[in-house]
């Protein structure tokens, strides 16, 4: 199916693809994505297992956990 992604997620996808093909180091990739190296390893693992759809926000389209109840 079609995966909707924000610009930030598309940027992450590009950086992770370059990291996976050894064109970037983990520290450089972390700097480009504005995350820590540890988070970069987590994202890379998700990318390798699930591809582009794993990087997209999984809660997109779901109601917020902090929403005001319908009664109010």
PDB file of N, CA and C in Angstrom:
ATOM      1  N   UNK A   1       0.796  -1.173   0.000  1.00  0.00           N
ATOM      2  CA  UNK A   1       0.000   0.000   0.000  1.00  0.00           C
ATOM      3  C   UNK A   1       0.848   1.249   0.000  1.00  0.00           C
ATOM      4  N   UNK A   2       0.189   2.353   0.052  1.00  0.00           N
ATOM      5  CA  UNK A   2       0.853   3.653   0.046  1.00  0.00           C
ATOM      6  C   UNK A   2       1.198   4.036   1.477  1.00  0.00           C
ATOM      7  N   UNK A   3       2.421   4.527   1.664  1.00  0.00           N
ATOM      8  CA  UNK A   3       2.882   4.966   2.971  1.00  0.00           C
ATOM      9  C   UNK A   3       3.032   6.475   2.938  1.00  0.00           C
ATOM     10  N   UNK A   4       2.288   7.186   3.786  1.00  0.00           N
ATOM     11  CA  UNK A   4       2.404   8.631   3.878  1.00  0.00           C
ATOM     12  C   UNK A   4       3.534   8.967   4.837  1.00  0.00           C
ATOM     13  N   UNK A   5       4.424   9.866   4.404  1.00  0.00           N
ATOM     14  CA  UNK A   5       5.568  10.226   5.238  1.00  0.00           C
ATOM     15  C   UNK A   5       5.748  11.738   5.233  1.00  0.00           C
ATOM     16  N   UNK A   6       6.187  12.259   6.364  1.00  0.00           N
ATOM     17  CA  UNK A   6       6.499  13.675   6.465  1.00  0.00           C
ATOM     18  C   UNK A   6       7.886  13.930   5.877  1.00  0.00           C
ATOM     19  N   UNK A   7       8.245  15.196   5.735  1.00  0.00           N
ATOM     20  CA  UNK A   7       9.575  15.533   5.225  1.00  0.00           C
ATOM     21  C   UNK A   7      10.662  15.001   6.149  1.00  0.00           C
ATOM     22  N   UNK A   8      10.414  15.072   7.448  1.00  0.00           N
ATOM     23  CA  UNK A   8      11.381  14.578   8.422  1.00  0.00           C
ATOM     24  C   UNK A   8      11.600  13.074   8.261  1.00  0.00           C
ATOM     25  N   UNK A   9      10.520  12.339   8.054  1.00  0.00           N
ATOM     26  CA  UNK A   9      10.626  10.891   7.876  1.00  0.00           C
ATOM     27  C   UNK A   9      11.318  10.549   6.556  1.00  0.00           C
ATOM     28  N   UNK A  10      11.055  11.322   5.511  1.00  0.00           N
ATOM     29  CA  UNK A  10      11.737  11.103   4.238  1.00  0.00           C
ATOM     30  C   UNK A  10      13.230  11.375   4.365  1.00  0.00           C
ATOM     31  N   UNK A  11      13.585  12.418   5.127  1.00  0.00           N
ATOM     32  CA  UNK A  11      14.990  12.724   5.372  1.00  0.00           C
ATOM     33  C   UNK A  11      15.645  11.570   6.125  1.00  0.00           C
ATOM     34  N   UNK A  12      14.977  11.060   7.146  1.00  0.00           N
ATOM     35  CA  UNK A  12      15.508   9.930   7.907  1.00  0.00           C
ATOM     36  C   UNK A  12      15.704   8.718   7.006  1.00  0.00           C
ATOM     37  N   UNK A  13      14.760   8.474   6.121  1.00  0.00           N
ATOM     38  CA  UNK A  13      14.851   7.338   5.214  1.00  0.00           C
ATOM     39  C   UNK A  13      16.083   7.454   4.320  1.00  0.00           C
ATOM     40  N   UNK A  14      16.330   8.650   3.793  1.00  0.00           N
ATOM     41  CA  UNK A  14      17.499   8.883   2.947  1.00  0.00           C
ATOM     42  C   UNK A  14      18.795   8.678   3.731  1.00  0.00           C
ATOM     43  N   UNK A  15      18.864   9.232   4.927  1.00  0.00           N
ATOM     44  CA  UNK A  15      20.060   9.105   5.757  1.00  0.00           C
ATOM     45  C   UNK A  15      20.297   7.647   6.135  1.00  0.00           C
ATOM     46  N   UNK A  16      19.240   6.929   6.504  1.00  0.00           N
ATOM     47  CA  UNK A  16      19.392   5.517   6.878  1.00  0.00           C
ATOM     48  C   UNK A  16      19.808   4.659   5.690  1.00  0.00           C
ATOM     49  N   UNK A  17      19.330   4.980   4.506  1.00  0.00           N
ATOM     50  CA  UNK A  17      19.744   4.234   3.313  1.00  0.00           C
ATOM     51  C   UNK A  17      21.232   4.449   3.057  1.00  0.00           C
ATOM     52  N   UNK A  18      21.706   5.688   3.218  1.00  0.00           N
ATOM     53  CA  UNK A  18      23.137   5.962   3.037  1.00  0.00           C
ATOM     54  C   UNK A  18      23.960   5.303   4.132  1.00  0.00           C
ATOM     55  N   UNK A  19      23.441   5.264   5.348  1.00  0.00           N
ATOM     56  CA  UNK A  19      24.141   4.607   6.451  1.00  0.00           C
ATOM     57  C   UNK A  19      24.214   3.102   6.212  1.00  0.00           C
ATOM     58  N   UNK A  20      23.143   2.517   5.725  1.00  0.00           N
ATOM     59  CA  UNK A  20      23.093   1.078   5.486  1.00  0.00           C
ATOM     60  C   UNK A  20      24.052   0.654   4.370  1.00  0.00           C
ATOM     61  N   UNK A  21      24.289   1.559   3.417  1.00  0.00           N
ATOM     62  CA  UNK A  21      25.208   1.242   2.319  1.00  0.00           C
ATOM     63  C   UNK A  21      26.635   1.718   2.619  1.00  0.00           C
ATOM     64  N   UNK A  22      26.911   2.030   3.883  1.00  0.00           N
ATOM     65  CA  UNK A  22      28.250   2.426   4.361  1.00  0.00           C
ATOM     66  C   UNK A  22      28.783   3.697   3.714  1.00  0.00           C
ATOM     67  N   UNK A  23      27.899   4.607   3.321  1.00  0.00           N
ATOM     68  CA  UNK A  23      28.340   5.897   2.812  1.00  0.00           C
ATOM     69  C   UNK A  23      28.364   6.962   3.896  1.00  0.00           C
ATOM     70  N   UNK A  24      27.842   6.630   5.078  1.00  0.00           N
ATOM     71  CA  UNK A  24      27.845   7.531   6.233  1.00  0.00           C
ATOM     72  C   UNK A  24      28.265   6.754   7.467  1.00  0.00           C
ATOM     73  N   UNK A  25      28.832   7.473   8.438  1.00  0.00           N
ATOM     74  CA  UNK A  25      29.105   6.864   9.736  1.00  0.00           C
ATOM     75  C   UNK A  25      27.883   7.071  10.623  1.00  0.00           C
ATOM     76  N   UNK A  26      27.831   6.344  11.714  1.00  0.00           N
ATOM     77  CA  UNK A  26      26.709   6.468  12.642  1.00  0.00           C
ATOM     78  C   UNK A  26      26.670   7.875  13.236  1.00  0.00           C
ATOM     79  N   UNK A  27      27.832   8.414  13.584  1.00  0.00           N
ATOM     80  CA  UNK A  27      27.865   9.758  14.163  1.00  0.00           C
ATOM     81  C   UNK A  27      27.396  10.811  13.159  1.00  0.00           C
ATOM     82  N   UNK A  28      27.799  10.678  11.898  1.00  0.00           N
ATOM     83  CA  UNK A  28      27.365  11.632  10.878  1.00  0.00           C
ATOM     84  C   UNK A  28      25.860  11.517  10.647  1.00  0.00           C
ATOM     85  N   UNK A  29      25.360  10.284  10.596  1.00  0.00           N
ATOM     86  CA  UNK A  29      23.921  10.076  10.400  1.00  0.00           C
ATOM     87  C   UNK A  29      23.133  10.635  11.573  1.00  0.00           C
ATOM     88  N   UNK A  30      23.623  10.418  12.789  1.00  0.00           N
ATOM     89  CA  UNK A  30      22.946  10.943  13.975  1.00  0.00           C
ATOM     90  C   UNK A  30      22.890  12.470  13.924  1.00  0.00           C
ATOM     91  N   UNK A  31      23.970  13.087  13.488  1.00  0.00           N
ATOM     92  CA  UNK A  31      23.993  14.548  13.371  1.00  0.00           C
ATOM     93  C   UNK A  31      23.000  15.053  12.336  1.00  0.00           C
ATOM     94  N   UNK A  32      22.891  14.362  11.214  1.00  0.00           N
ATOM     95  CA  UNK A  32      21.959  14.788  10.170  1.00  0.00           C
ATOM     96  C   UNK A  32      20.501  14.635  10.596  1.00  0.00           C
ATOM     97  N   UNK A  33      20.222  13.636  11.422  1.00  0.00           N
ATOM     98  CA  UNK A  33      18.845  13.396  11.860  1.00  0.00           C
ATOM     99  C   UNK A  33      18.527  14.075  13.190  1.00  0.00           C
ATOM    100  N   UNK A  34      19.523  14.698  13.807  1.00  0.00           N
ATOM    101  CA  UNK A  34      19.358  15.359  15.109  1.00  0.00           C
ATOM    102  C   UNK A  34      18.881  14.400  16.188  1.00  0.00           C
ATOM    103  N   UNK A  35      19.472  13.199  16.218  1.00  0.00           N
ATOM    104  CA  UNK A  35      19.194  12.218  17.252  1.00  0.00           C
ATOM    105  C   UNK A  35      20.530  11.695  17.776  1.00  0.00           C
ATOM    106  N   UNK A  36      20.478  10.897  18.827  1.00  0.00           N
ATOM    107  CA  UNK A  36      21.694  10.336  19.405  1.00  0.00           C
ATOM    108  C   UNK A  36      22.144   9.117  18.587  1.00  0.00           C
ATOM    109  N   UNK A  37      23.415   8.741  18.713  1.00  0.00           N
ATOM    110  CA  UNK A  37      23.866   7.523  18.021  1.00  0.00           C
ATOM    111  C   UNK A  37      23.071   6.283  18.429  1.00  0.00           C
ATOM    112  N   UNK A  38      22.690   6.216  19.701  1.00  0.00           N
ATOM    113  CA  UNK A  38      21.898   5.066  20.152  1.00  0.00           C
ATOM    114  C   UNK A  38      20.560   4.996  19.422  1.00  0.00           C
ATOM    115  N   UNK A  39      19.888   6.144  19.283  1.00  0.00           N
ATOM    116  CA  UNK A  39      18.622   6.177  18.560  1.00  0.00           C
ATOM    117  C   UNK A  39      18.841   5.859  17.081  1.00  0.00           C
ATOM    118  N   UNK A  40      19.994   6.250  16.549  1.00  0.00           N
ATOM    119  CA  UNK A  40      20.315   5.955  15.155  1.00  0.00           C
ATOM    120  C   UNK A  40      20.398   4.450  14.942  1.00  0.00           C
ATOM    121  N   UNK A  41      21.031   3.737  15.882  1.00  0.00           N
ATOM    122  CA  UNK A  41      21.094   2.281  15.781  1.00  0.00           C
ATOM    123  C   UNK A  41      19.693   1.662  15.841  1.00  0.00           C
ATOM    124  N   UNK A  42      18.822   2.204  16.691  1.00  0.00           N
ATOM    125  CA  UNK A  42      17.445   1.699  16.780  1.00  0.00           C
ATOM    126  C   UNK A  42      16.708   1.902  15.461  1.00  0.00           C
ATOM    127  N   UNK A  43      16.840   3.103  14.884  1.00  0.00           N
ATOM    128  CA  UNK A  43      16.176   3.397  13.618  1.00  0.00           C
ATOM    129  C   UNK A  43      16.730   2.519  12.494  1.00  0.00           C
ATOM    130  N   UNK A  44      18.043   2.294  12.490  1.00  0.00           N
ATOM    131  CA  UNK A  44      18.655   1.460  11.473  1.00  0.00           C
ATOM    132  C   UNK A  44      18.146   0.026  11.570  1.00  0.00           C
ATOM    133  N   UNK A  45      17.982  -0.460  12.777  1.00  0.00           N
ATOM    134  CA  UNK A  45      17.461  -1.807  12.969  1.00  0.00           C
ATOM    135  C   UNK A  45      16.033  -1.916  12.438  1.00  0.00           C
ATOM    136  N   UNK A  46      15.182  -0.924  12.746  1.00  0.00           N
ATOM    137  CA  UNK A  46      13.812  -0.913  12.234  1.00  0.00           C
ATOM    138  C   UNK A  46      13.801  -0.828  10.719  1.00  0.00           C
ATOM    139  N   UNK A  47      14.698  -0.011  10.155  1.00  0.00           N
ATOM    140  CA  UNK A  47      14.775   0.155   8.703  1.00  0.00           C
ATOM    141  C   UNK A  47      15.162  -1.165   8.032  1.00  0.00           C
ATOM    142  N   UNK A  48      16.127  -1.872   8.603  1.00  0.00           N
ATOM    143  CA  UNK A  48      16.572  -3.136   8.021  1.00  0.00           C
ATOM    144  C   UNK A  48      15.493  -4.210   8.100  1.00  0.00           C
ATOM    145  N   UNK A  49      14.688  -4.185   9.147  1.00  0.00           N
ATOM    146  CA  UNK A  49      13.645  -5.200   9.307  1.00  0.00           C
ATOM    147  C   UNK A  49      12.400  -4.898   8.483  1.00  0.00           C
ATOM    148  N   UNK A  50      11.999  -3.627   8.441  1.00  0.00           N
ATOM    149  CA  UNK A  50      10.710  -3.315   7.827  1.00  0.00           C
ATOM    150  C   UNK A  50      10.736  -2.365   6.655  1.00  0.00           C
ATOM    151  N   UNK A  51      11.898  -1.837   6.303  1.00  0.00           N
ATOM    152  CA  UNK A  51      11.985  -0.918   5.172  1.00  0.00           C
ATOM    153  C   UNK A  51      11.387   0.443   5.491  1.00  0.00           C
ATOM    154  N   UNK A  52      10.929   1.111   4.452  1.00  0.00           N
ATOM    155  CA  UNK A  52      10.440   2.483   4.582  1.00  0.00           C
ATOM    156  C   UNK A  52       9.209   2.582   5.475  1.00  0.00           C
ATOM    157  N   UNK A  53       8.334   1.593   5.417  1.00  0.00           N
ATOM    158  CA  UNK A  53       7.103   1.670   6.211  1.00  0.00           C
ATOM    159  C   UNK A  53       7.380   1.582   7.705  1.00  0.00           C
ATOM    160  N   UNK A  54       8.512   1.013   8.110  1.00  0.00           N
ATOM    161  CA  UNK A  54       8.851   0.919   9.525  1.00  0.00           C
ATOM    162  C   UNK A  54       9.295   2.261  10.093  1.00  0.00           C
ATOM    163  N   UNK A  55       9.776   3.154   9.233  1.00  0.00           N
ATOM    164  CA  UNK A  55      10.257   4.462   9.680  1.00  0.00           C
ATOM    165  C   UNK A  55       9.085   5.437   9.841  1.00  0.00           C
ATOM    166  N   UNK A  56       8.018   5.233   9.088  1.00  0.00           N
ATOM    167  CA  UNK A  56       6.859   6.123   9.174  1.00  0.00           C
ATOM    168  C   UNK A  56       6.220   6.017  10.554  1.00  0.00           C
ATOM    169  N   UNK A  57       5.601   7.098  11.002  1.00  0.00           N
ATOM    170  CA  UNK A  57       4.933   7.141  12.293  1.00  0.00           C
ATOM    171  C   UNK A  57       3.817   6.103  12.321  1.00  0.00           C
ATOM    172  N   UNK A  58       3.907   5.167  13.249  1.00  0.00           N
ATOM    173  CA  UNK A  58       2.931   4.073  13.324  1.00  0.00           C
ATOM    174  C   UNK A  58       1.591   4.520  13.904  1.00  0.00           C
ATOM    175  N   UNK A  59       1.561   5.658  14.580  1.00  0.00           N
ATOM    176  CA  UNK A  59       0.311   6.130  15.199  1.00  0.00           C
ATOM    177  C   UNK A  59      -0.444   7.123  14.322  1.00  0.00           C
ATOM    178  N   UNK A  60       0.002   7.345  13.110  1.00  0.00           N
ATOM    179  CA  UNK A  60      -0.667   8.291  12.229  1.00  0.00           C
ATOM    180  C   UNK A  60      -2.099   7.820  11.977  1.00  0.00           C
ATOM    181  N   UNK A  61      -3.042   8.728  12.173  1.00  0.00           N
ATOM    182  CA  UNK A  61      -4.444   8.400  11.953  1.00  0.00           C
ATOM    183  C   UNK A  61      -5.169   7.909  13.190  1.00  0.00           C
ATOM    184  N   UNK A  62      -4.442   7.618  14.269  1.00  0.00           N
ATOM    185  CA  UNK A  62      -5.062   7.154  15.510  1.00  0.00           C
ATOM    186  C   UNK A  62      -5.366   8.341  16.410  1.00  0.00           C
ATOM    187  N   UNK A  63      -6.375   8.246  17.244  1.00  0.00           N
ATOM    188  CA  UNK A  63      -6.664   9.353  18.162  1.00  0.00           C
ATOM    189  C   UNK A  63      -5.576   9.486  19.221  1.00  0.00           C
ATOM    190  N   UNK A  64      -5.392  10.695  19.711  1.00  0.00           N
ATOM    191  CA  UNK A  64      -4.384  10.982  20.724  1.00  0.00           C
ATOM    192  C   UNK A  64      -4.726  10.313  22.052  1.00  0.00           C
ATOM    193  N   UNK A  65      -3.708   9.929  22.799  1.00  0.00           N
ATOM    194  CA  UNK A  65      -3.929   9.380  24.126  1.00  0.00           C
ATOM    195  C   UNK A  65      -4.391  10.461  25.109  1.00  0.00           C
ATOM    196  N   UNK A  66      -4.095  11.722  24.804  1.00  0.00           N
ATOM    197  CA  UNK A  66      -4.421  12.831  25.705  1.00  0.00           C
ATOM    198  C   UNK A  66      -5.650  13.615  25.241  1.00  0.00           C
ATOM    199  N   UNK A  67      -6.482  13.001  24.452  1.00  0.00           N
ATOM    200  CA  UNK A  67      -7.652  13.724  23.933  1.00  0.00           C
ATOM    201  C   UNK A  67      -8.691  13.952  25.033  1.00  0.00           C
ATOM    202  N   UNK A  68      -9.488  14.962  24.835  1.00  0.00           N
ATOM    203  CA  UNK A  68     -10.579  15.261  25.756  1.00  0.00           C
ATOM    204  C   UNK A  68     -11.733  14.318  25.411  1.00  0.00           C
ATOM    205  N   UNK A  69     -12.371  13.772  26.407  1.00  0.00           N
ATOM    206  CA  UNK A  69     -13.456  12.817  26.152  1.00  0.00           C
ATOM    207  C   UNK A  69     -14.605  13.487  25.392  1.00  0.00           C
ATOM    208  N   UNK A  70     -15.377  12.686  24.697  1.00  0.00           N
ATOM    209  CA  UNK A  70     -16.495  13.192  23.894  1.00  0.00           C
ATOM    210  C   UNK A  70     -17.579  13.799  24.772  1.00  0.00           C
ATOM    211  N   UNK A  71     -17.638  13.403  26.045  1.00  0.00           N
ATOM    212  CA  UNK A  71     -18.654  13.912  26.970  1.00  0.00           C
ATOM    213  C   UNK A  71     -18.439  15.379  27.286  1.00  0.00           C
ATOM    214  N   UNK A  72     -17.189  15.821  27.211  1.00  0.00           N
ATOM    215  CA  UNK A  72     -16.865  17.223  27.521  1.00  0.00           C
ATOM    216  C   UNK A  72     -17.085  18.030  26.299  1.00  0.00           C
TER     217      UNK A  72
END
